[in-house]
């Protein structure tokens, strides 16, 4: 008769097997971060956020784990920008780092640098 070692473990020593966290697609991951899926994929391709590409070709499917995204977000810090400038645009003060002026008039915004 075989002896089951798992029964001899103390409760603090017992290893509780949890199912692995499922992967989610870019739509669910983007919703979790409150950004657009396209921006999420750009961040994944640039290596800014943890992502898991599927496939070896030029076009890959990207999958994400929400816990990894959360950890990355909580560990990231934004350092204060000491070179922040304010430039006037049409009599209003608008942040200009980088220097971008947004003109609005006909309902469609055009960006001029």
N, C-alpha and C. Protein backbone atom coordinates (compact mmCIF):
# COMPACT_ATOMS: atom_id res chain seq x y z
N UNK A 1 0.84 -1.18 0.00
CA UNK A 1 0.00 0.00 0.00
C UNK A 1 0.89 1.24 0.00
N UNK A 2 0.59 2.20 -0.89
CA UNK A 2 1.37 3.42 -1.00
C UNK A 2 0.94 4.42 0.07
N UNK A 3 1.92 5.15 0.57
CA UNK A 3 1.66 6.16 1.59
C UNK A 3 1.56 7.53 0.92
N UNK A 4 0.50 8.23 1.18
CA UNK A 4 0.30 9.55 0.59
C UNK A 4 0.94 10.59 1.50
N UNK A 5 2.03 11.22 1.03
CA UNK A 5 2.77 12.20 1.83
C UNK A 5 1.97 13.48 2.04
N UNK A 6 1.04 13.79 1.16
CA UNK A 6 0.28 15.02 1.30
C UNK A 6 -0.56 15.02 2.58
N UNK A 7 -0.96 13.88 3.04
CA UNK A 7 -1.77 13.80 4.26
C UNK A 7 -0.94 14.06 5.50
N UNK A 8 0.38 13.87 5.44
CA UNK A 8 1.25 14.06 6.58
C UNK A 8 1.69 15.52 6.76
N UNK A 9 1.43 16.35 5.81
CA UNK A 9 1.85 17.75 5.89
C UNK A 9 1.00 18.51 6.89
N UNK A 10 1.65 19.41 7.59
CA UNK A 10 0.93 20.32 8.47
C UNK A 10 0.13 21.29 7.59
N UNK A 11 -0.94 21.88 8.12
CA UNK A 11 -1.72 22.82 7.30
C UNK A 11 -0.87 23.97 6.75
N UNK A 12 0.13 24.44 7.51
CA UNK A 12 0.97 25.53 7.02
C UNK A 12 1.91 25.07 5.92
N UNK A 13 2.20 23.78 5.85
CA UNK A 13 3.10 23.23 4.84
C UNK A 13 2.36 22.78 3.58
N UNK A 14 1.08 22.65 3.68
CA UNK A 14 0.31 22.14 2.54
C UNK A 14 0.34 23.16 1.40
N UNK A 15 0.55 22.65 0.22
CA UNK A 15 0.57 23.49 -0.96
C UNK A 15 -0.80 23.41 -1.60
N UNK A 16 -1.43 24.55 -1.70
CA UNK A 16 -2.76 24.59 -2.30
C UNK A 16 -2.59 24.98 -3.75
N UNK A 17 -2.95 24.08 -4.62
CA UNK A 17 -2.81 24.34 -6.06
C UNK A 17 -3.96 25.22 -6.52
N UNK A 18 -3.60 26.37 -7.07
CA UNK A 18 -4.61 27.27 -7.60
C UNK A 18 -4.54 27.21 -9.12
N UNK A 19 -5.67 27.31 -9.76
CA UNK A 19 -5.61 27.31 -11.22
C UNK A 19 -4.88 28.55 -11.71
N UNK A 20 -4.14 28.44 -12.79
CA UNK A 20 -3.41 29.61 -13.29
C UNK A 20 -4.38 30.71 -13.73
N UNK A 21 -3.91 31.93 -13.60
CA UNK A 21 -4.73 33.07 -14.02
C UNK A 21 -4.92 33.00 -15.53
N UNK A 22 -6.13 33.19 -15.99
CA UNK A 22 -6.34 33.13 -17.45
C UNK A 22 -5.78 34.36 -18.15
N UNK A 23 -5.42 34.17 -19.40
CA UNK A 23 -4.99 35.28 -20.24
C UNK A 23 -6.23 35.98 -20.78
N UNK A 24 -6.11 37.29 -21.01
CA UNK A 24 -7.21 38.04 -21.61
C UNK A 24 -6.70 38.70 -22.89
N UNK A 25 -7.63 39.06 -23.76
CA UNK A 25 -7.25 39.71 -25.01
C UNK A 25 -7.04 41.20 -24.79
N UNK A 26 -6.67 41.89 -25.86
CA UNK A 26 -6.35 43.32 -25.74
C UNK A 26 -7.57 44.16 -25.39
N UNK A 27 -8.74 43.73 -25.77
CA UNK A 27 -9.95 44.50 -25.47
C UNK A 27 -10.22 44.51 -23.97
N UNK A 28 -10.15 43.34 -23.34
CA UNK A 28 -10.39 43.27 -21.89
C UNK A 28 -9.26 43.94 -21.11
N UNK A 29 -8.02 43.75 -21.57
CA UNK A 29 -6.89 44.37 -20.88
C UNK A 29 -6.95 45.89 -21.00
N UNK A 30 -7.33 46.39 -22.16
CA UNK A 30 -7.45 47.83 -22.35
C UNK A 30 -8.57 48.40 -21.49
N UNK A 31 -9.66 47.69 -21.39
CA UNK A 31 -10.77 48.14 -20.53
C UNK A 31 -10.32 48.18 -19.08
N UNK A 32 -9.51 47.22 -18.67
CA UNK A 32 -8.98 47.19 -17.30
C UNK A 32 -8.13 48.42 -17.01
N UNK A 33 -7.35 48.85 -18.00
CA UNK A 33 -6.48 50.02 -17.83
C UNK A 33 -7.14 51.33 -18.24
N UNK A 34 -8.35 51.26 -18.74
CA UNK A 34 -9.10 52.43 -19.21
C UNK A 34 -8.37 53.16 -20.34
N UNK A 35 -7.84 52.38 -21.28
CA UNK A 35 -7.22 52.95 -22.47
C UNK A 35 -7.78 52.22 -23.69
N UNK A 36 -7.46 52.69 -24.86
CA UNK A 36 -7.93 52.05 -26.09
C UNK A 36 -7.06 50.83 -26.41
N UNK A 37 -7.67 49.79 -26.98
CA UNK A 37 -6.89 48.59 -27.33
C UNK A 37 -5.70 48.87 -28.23
N UNK A 38 -5.83 49.81 -29.14
CA UNK A 38 -4.73 50.14 -30.04
C UNK A 38 -3.52 50.69 -29.28
N UNK A 39 -3.79 51.53 -28.29
CA UNK A 39 -2.71 52.08 -27.48
C UNK A 39 -2.06 50.98 -26.64
N UNK A 40 -2.88 50.09 -26.11
CA UNK A 40 -2.37 48.96 -25.33
C UNK A 40 -1.42 48.11 -26.17
N UNK A 41 -1.81 47.82 -27.41
CA UNK A 41 -0.96 47.01 -28.28
C UNK A 41 0.34 47.73 -28.62
N UNK A 42 0.29 49.04 -28.77
CA UNK A 42 1.52 49.80 -29.03
C UNK A 42 2.45 49.72 -27.82
N UNK A 43 1.89 49.81 -26.62
CA UNK A 43 2.70 49.69 -25.41
C UNK A 43 3.30 48.29 -25.29
N UNK A 44 2.52 47.28 -25.66
CA UNK A 44 3.01 45.90 -25.61
C UNK A 44 4.16 45.69 -26.59
N UNK A 45 3.99 46.19 -27.82
CA UNK A 45 5.05 46.04 -28.82
C UNK A 45 6.34 46.75 -28.41
N UNK A 46 6.18 47.87 -27.72
CA UNK A 46 7.35 48.65 -27.27
C UNK A 46 7.98 48.07 -26.02
N UNK A 47 7.34 47.09 -25.39
CA UNK A 47 7.88 46.47 -24.18
C UNK A 47 7.64 47.27 -22.92
N UNK A 48 6.71 48.21 -22.98
CA UNK A 48 6.42 49.04 -21.81
C UNK A 48 5.59 48.29 -20.78
N UNK A 49 4.72 47.43 -21.24
CA UNK A 49 3.86 46.65 -20.35
C UNK A 49 4.10 45.17 -20.60
N UNK A 50 3.85 44.32 -19.60
CA UNK A 50 4.04 42.89 -19.80
C UNK A 50 2.97 42.32 -20.73
N UNK A 51 3.41 41.58 -21.71
CA UNK A 51 2.50 40.99 -22.69
C UNK A 51 3.08 39.68 -23.19
N UNK A 52 2.22 38.85 -23.69
CA UNK A 52 2.62 37.52 -24.17
C UNK A 52 2.18 37.38 -25.62
N UNK A 53 3.13 37.48 -26.56
CA UNK A 53 2.77 37.34 -27.97
C UNK A 53 2.60 35.88 -28.35
N UNK A 54 1.62 35.61 -29.17
CA UNK A 54 1.40 34.27 -29.70
C UNK A 54 1.69 34.31 -31.19
N UNK A 55 2.54 33.44 -31.65
CA UNK A 55 2.88 33.40 -33.06
C UNK A 55 4.28 33.90 -33.29
N UNK A 56 4.82 33.54 -34.45
CA UNK A 56 6.19 33.91 -34.78
C UNK A 56 6.27 34.86 -35.96
N UNK A 57 5.17 35.10 -36.63
CA UNK A 57 5.18 35.97 -37.80
C UNK A 57 5.15 37.44 -37.42
N UNK A 58 4.97 38.26 -38.44
CA UNK A 58 4.92 39.71 -38.21
C UNK A 58 3.68 40.10 -37.43
N UNK A 59 2.56 39.45 -37.73
CA UNK A 59 1.31 39.73 -37.01
C UNK A 59 1.16 38.72 -35.89
N UNK A 60 1.08 39.20 -34.68
CA UNK A 60 0.98 38.32 -33.52
C UNK A 60 -0.32 38.58 -32.78
N UNK A 61 -0.79 37.58 -32.10
CA UNK A 61 -1.88 37.77 -31.15
C UNK A 61 -1.24 38.08 -29.81
N UNK A 62 -1.72 39.07 -29.13
CA UNK A 62 -1.18 39.45 -27.84
C UNK A 62 -2.16 39.08 -26.76
N UNK A 63 -1.66 38.50 -25.68
CA UNK A 63 -2.48 38.16 -24.53
C UNK A 63 -1.85 38.77 -23.29
N UNK A 64 -2.67 39.04 -22.31
CA UNK A 64 -2.25 39.76 -21.12
C UNK A 64 -2.80 39.09 -19.88
N UNK A 65 -2.10 39.26 -18.78
CA UNK A 65 -2.61 38.85 -17.47
C UNK A 65 -2.88 40.12 -16.68
N UNK A 66 -4.09 40.23 -16.17
CA UNK A 66 -4.48 41.46 -15.48
C UNK A 66 -3.62 41.70 -14.24
N UNK A 67 -3.21 40.64 -13.56
CA UNK A 67 -2.38 40.83 -12.36
C UNK A 67 -1.02 41.41 -12.73
N UNK A 68 -0.45 41.02 -13.88
CA UNK A 68 0.83 41.57 -14.31
C UNK A 68 0.69 43.05 -14.68
N UNK A 69 -0.41 43.39 -15.34
CA UNK A 69 -0.66 44.79 -15.68
C UNK A 69 -0.83 45.63 -14.42
N UNK A 70 -1.55 45.09 -13.45
CA UNK A 70 -1.77 45.82 -12.20
C UNK A 70 -0.45 46.03 -11.47
N UNK A 71 0.38 45.00 -11.38
CA UNK A 71 1.66 45.12 -10.71
C UNK A 71 2.55 46.15 -11.39
N UNK A 72 2.59 46.12 -12.72
CA UNK A 72 3.39 47.09 -13.47
C UNK A 72 2.89 48.50 -13.24
N UNK A 73 1.59 48.67 -13.24
CA UNK A 73 1.01 50.00 -13.03
C UNK A 73 1.30 50.51 -11.63
N UNK A 74 1.21 49.65 -10.64
CA UNK A 74 1.46 50.07 -9.26
C UNK A 74 2.94 50.35 -9.00
N UNK A 75 3.82 49.70 -9.74
CA UNK A 75 5.26 49.91 -9.54
C UNK A 75 5.80 51.10 -10.33
N UNK A 76 5.04 51.56 -11.32
CA UNK A 76 5.53 52.67 -12.13
C UNK A 76 5.28 53.99 -11.41
N UNK A 77 6.20 54.91 -11.61
CA UNK A 77 6.10 56.23 -11.01
C UNK A 77 6.37 57.26 -12.08
N UNK A 78 5.70 58.35 -11.97
CA UNK A 78 5.94 59.46 -12.88
C UNK A 78 6.79 60.47 -12.13
N UNK A 79 7.95 60.73 -12.69
CA UNK A 79 8.84 61.72 -12.08
C UNK A 79 8.38 63.11 -12.50
N UNK A 80 8.51 64.08 -11.62
CA UNK A 80 8.10 65.43 -11.99
C UNK A 80 8.94 65.97 -13.14
N UNK A 81 8.28 66.63 -14.06
CA UNK A 81 8.94 67.20 -15.22
C UNK A 81 9.33 68.63 -14.90
N UNK A 82 10.61 68.87 -14.74
CA UNK A 82 11.07 70.21 -14.37
C UNK A 82 11.20 71.11 -15.58
N UNK A 83 11.13 70.55 -16.79
CA UNK A 83 11.27 71.37 -17.99
C UNK A 83 9.92 71.73 -18.60
N UNK A 84 8.86 71.65 -17.82
CA UNK A 84 7.52 71.95 -18.30
C UNK A 84 7.39 73.43 -18.61
N UNK A 85 6.93 73.73 -19.83
CA UNK A 85 6.76 75.12 -20.24
C UNK A 85 5.29 75.36 -20.57
N UNK A 86 4.89 76.60 -20.48
CA UNK A 86 3.55 76.99 -20.87
C UNK A 86 3.68 78.02 -21.98
N UNK A 87 2.99 77.78 -23.09
CA UNK A 87 3.07 78.70 -24.22
C UNK A 87 1.69 79.23 -24.55
N UNK A 88 1.57 80.51 -24.86
CA UNK A 88 0.25 81.06 -25.19
C UNK A 88 -0.21 80.61 -26.57
N UNK A 89 -1.49 80.29 -26.68
CA UNK A 89 -2.12 79.93 -27.94
C UNK A 89 -3.46 80.64 -27.98
N UNK A 90 -3.61 81.56 -28.91
CA UNK A 90 -4.85 82.33 -29.05
C UNK A 90 -5.28 82.98 -27.74
N UNK A 91 -4.35 83.53 -27.04
CA UNK A 91 -4.69 84.23 -25.81
C UNK A 91 -4.89 83.32 -24.61
N UNK A 92 -4.82 82.00 -24.80
CA UNK A 92 -4.98 81.06 -23.69
C UNK A 92 -3.63 80.44 -23.39
N UNK A 93 -3.46 79.98 -22.17
CA UNK A 93 -2.23 79.30 -21.80
C UNK A 93 -2.46 77.80 -21.90
N UNK A 94 -1.60 77.16 -22.70
CA UNK A 94 -1.73 75.73 -22.97
C UNK A 94 -0.38 75.08 -22.73
N UNK A 95 -0.39 73.89 -22.15
CA UNK A 95 0.86 73.16 -21.94
C UNK A 95 1.52 72.92 -23.28
N UNK A 96 2.83 73.13 -23.34
CA UNK A 96 3.51 73.02 -24.63
C UNK A 96 4.76 72.17 -24.56
N UNK A 97 4.71 71.04 -23.92
CA UNK A 97 5.83 70.12 -23.91
C UNK A 97 5.33 68.77 -24.38
N UNK A 98 5.49 68.35 -25.58
CA UNK A 98 6.11 69.07 -26.68
C UNK A 98 5.20 70.18 -27.17
N UNK A 99 5.75 71.09 -27.92
CA UNK A 99 5.01 72.27 -28.35
C UNK A 99 3.99 71.88 -29.43
N UNK A 100 2.73 71.84 -29.03
CA UNK A 100 1.65 71.48 -29.93
C UNK A 100 0.53 72.48 -29.73
N UNK A 101 0.02 73.01 -30.80
CA UNK A 101 -1.14 73.90 -30.73
C UNK A 101 -2.30 73.20 -31.41
N UNK A 102 -3.42 73.17 -30.77
CA UNK A 102 -4.60 72.53 -31.34
C UNK A 102 -5.57 73.64 -31.75
N UNK A 103 -5.85 73.68 -33.03
CA UNK A 103 -6.79 74.69 -33.53
C UNK A 103 -8.15 74.06 -33.70
N UNK A 104 -9.14 74.73 -33.22
CA UNK A 104 -10.50 74.23 -33.37
C UNK A 104 -11.33 75.33 -34.01
N UNK A 105 -12.14 74.97 -34.91
CA UNK A 105 -12.95 75.98 -35.57
C UNK A 105 -14.09 75.33 -36.33
N UNK A 106 -13.77 74.36 -37.16
CA UNK A 106 -14.81 73.74 -37.96
C UNK A 106 -15.27 72.41 -37.37
N UNK A 107 -14.99 72.19 -36.10
CA UNK A 107 -15.41 70.94 -35.46
C UNK A 107 -14.36 69.87 -35.51
N UNK A 108 -13.43 69.94 -36.44
CA UNK A 108 -12.36 68.95 -36.54
C UNK A 108 -11.07 69.59 -36.08
N UNK A 109 -10.41 68.97 -35.14
CA UNK A 109 -9.16 69.52 -34.62
C UNK A 109 -8.00 69.16 -35.52
N UNK A 110 -7.13 70.10 -35.74
CA UNK A 110 -5.91 69.81 -36.49
C UNK A 110 -4.74 70.18 -35.61
N UNK A 111 -3.73 69.36 -35.63
CA UNK A 111 -2.58 69.55 -34.76
C UNK A 111 -1.44 70.16 -35.57
N UNK A 112 -0.90 71.24 -35.06
CA UNK A 112 0.22 71.91 -35.72
C UNK A 112 1.38 71.96 -34.75
N UNK A 113 2.58 71.62 -35.20
CA UNK A 113 3.74 71.62 -34.31
C UNK A 113 4.70 72.72 -34.58
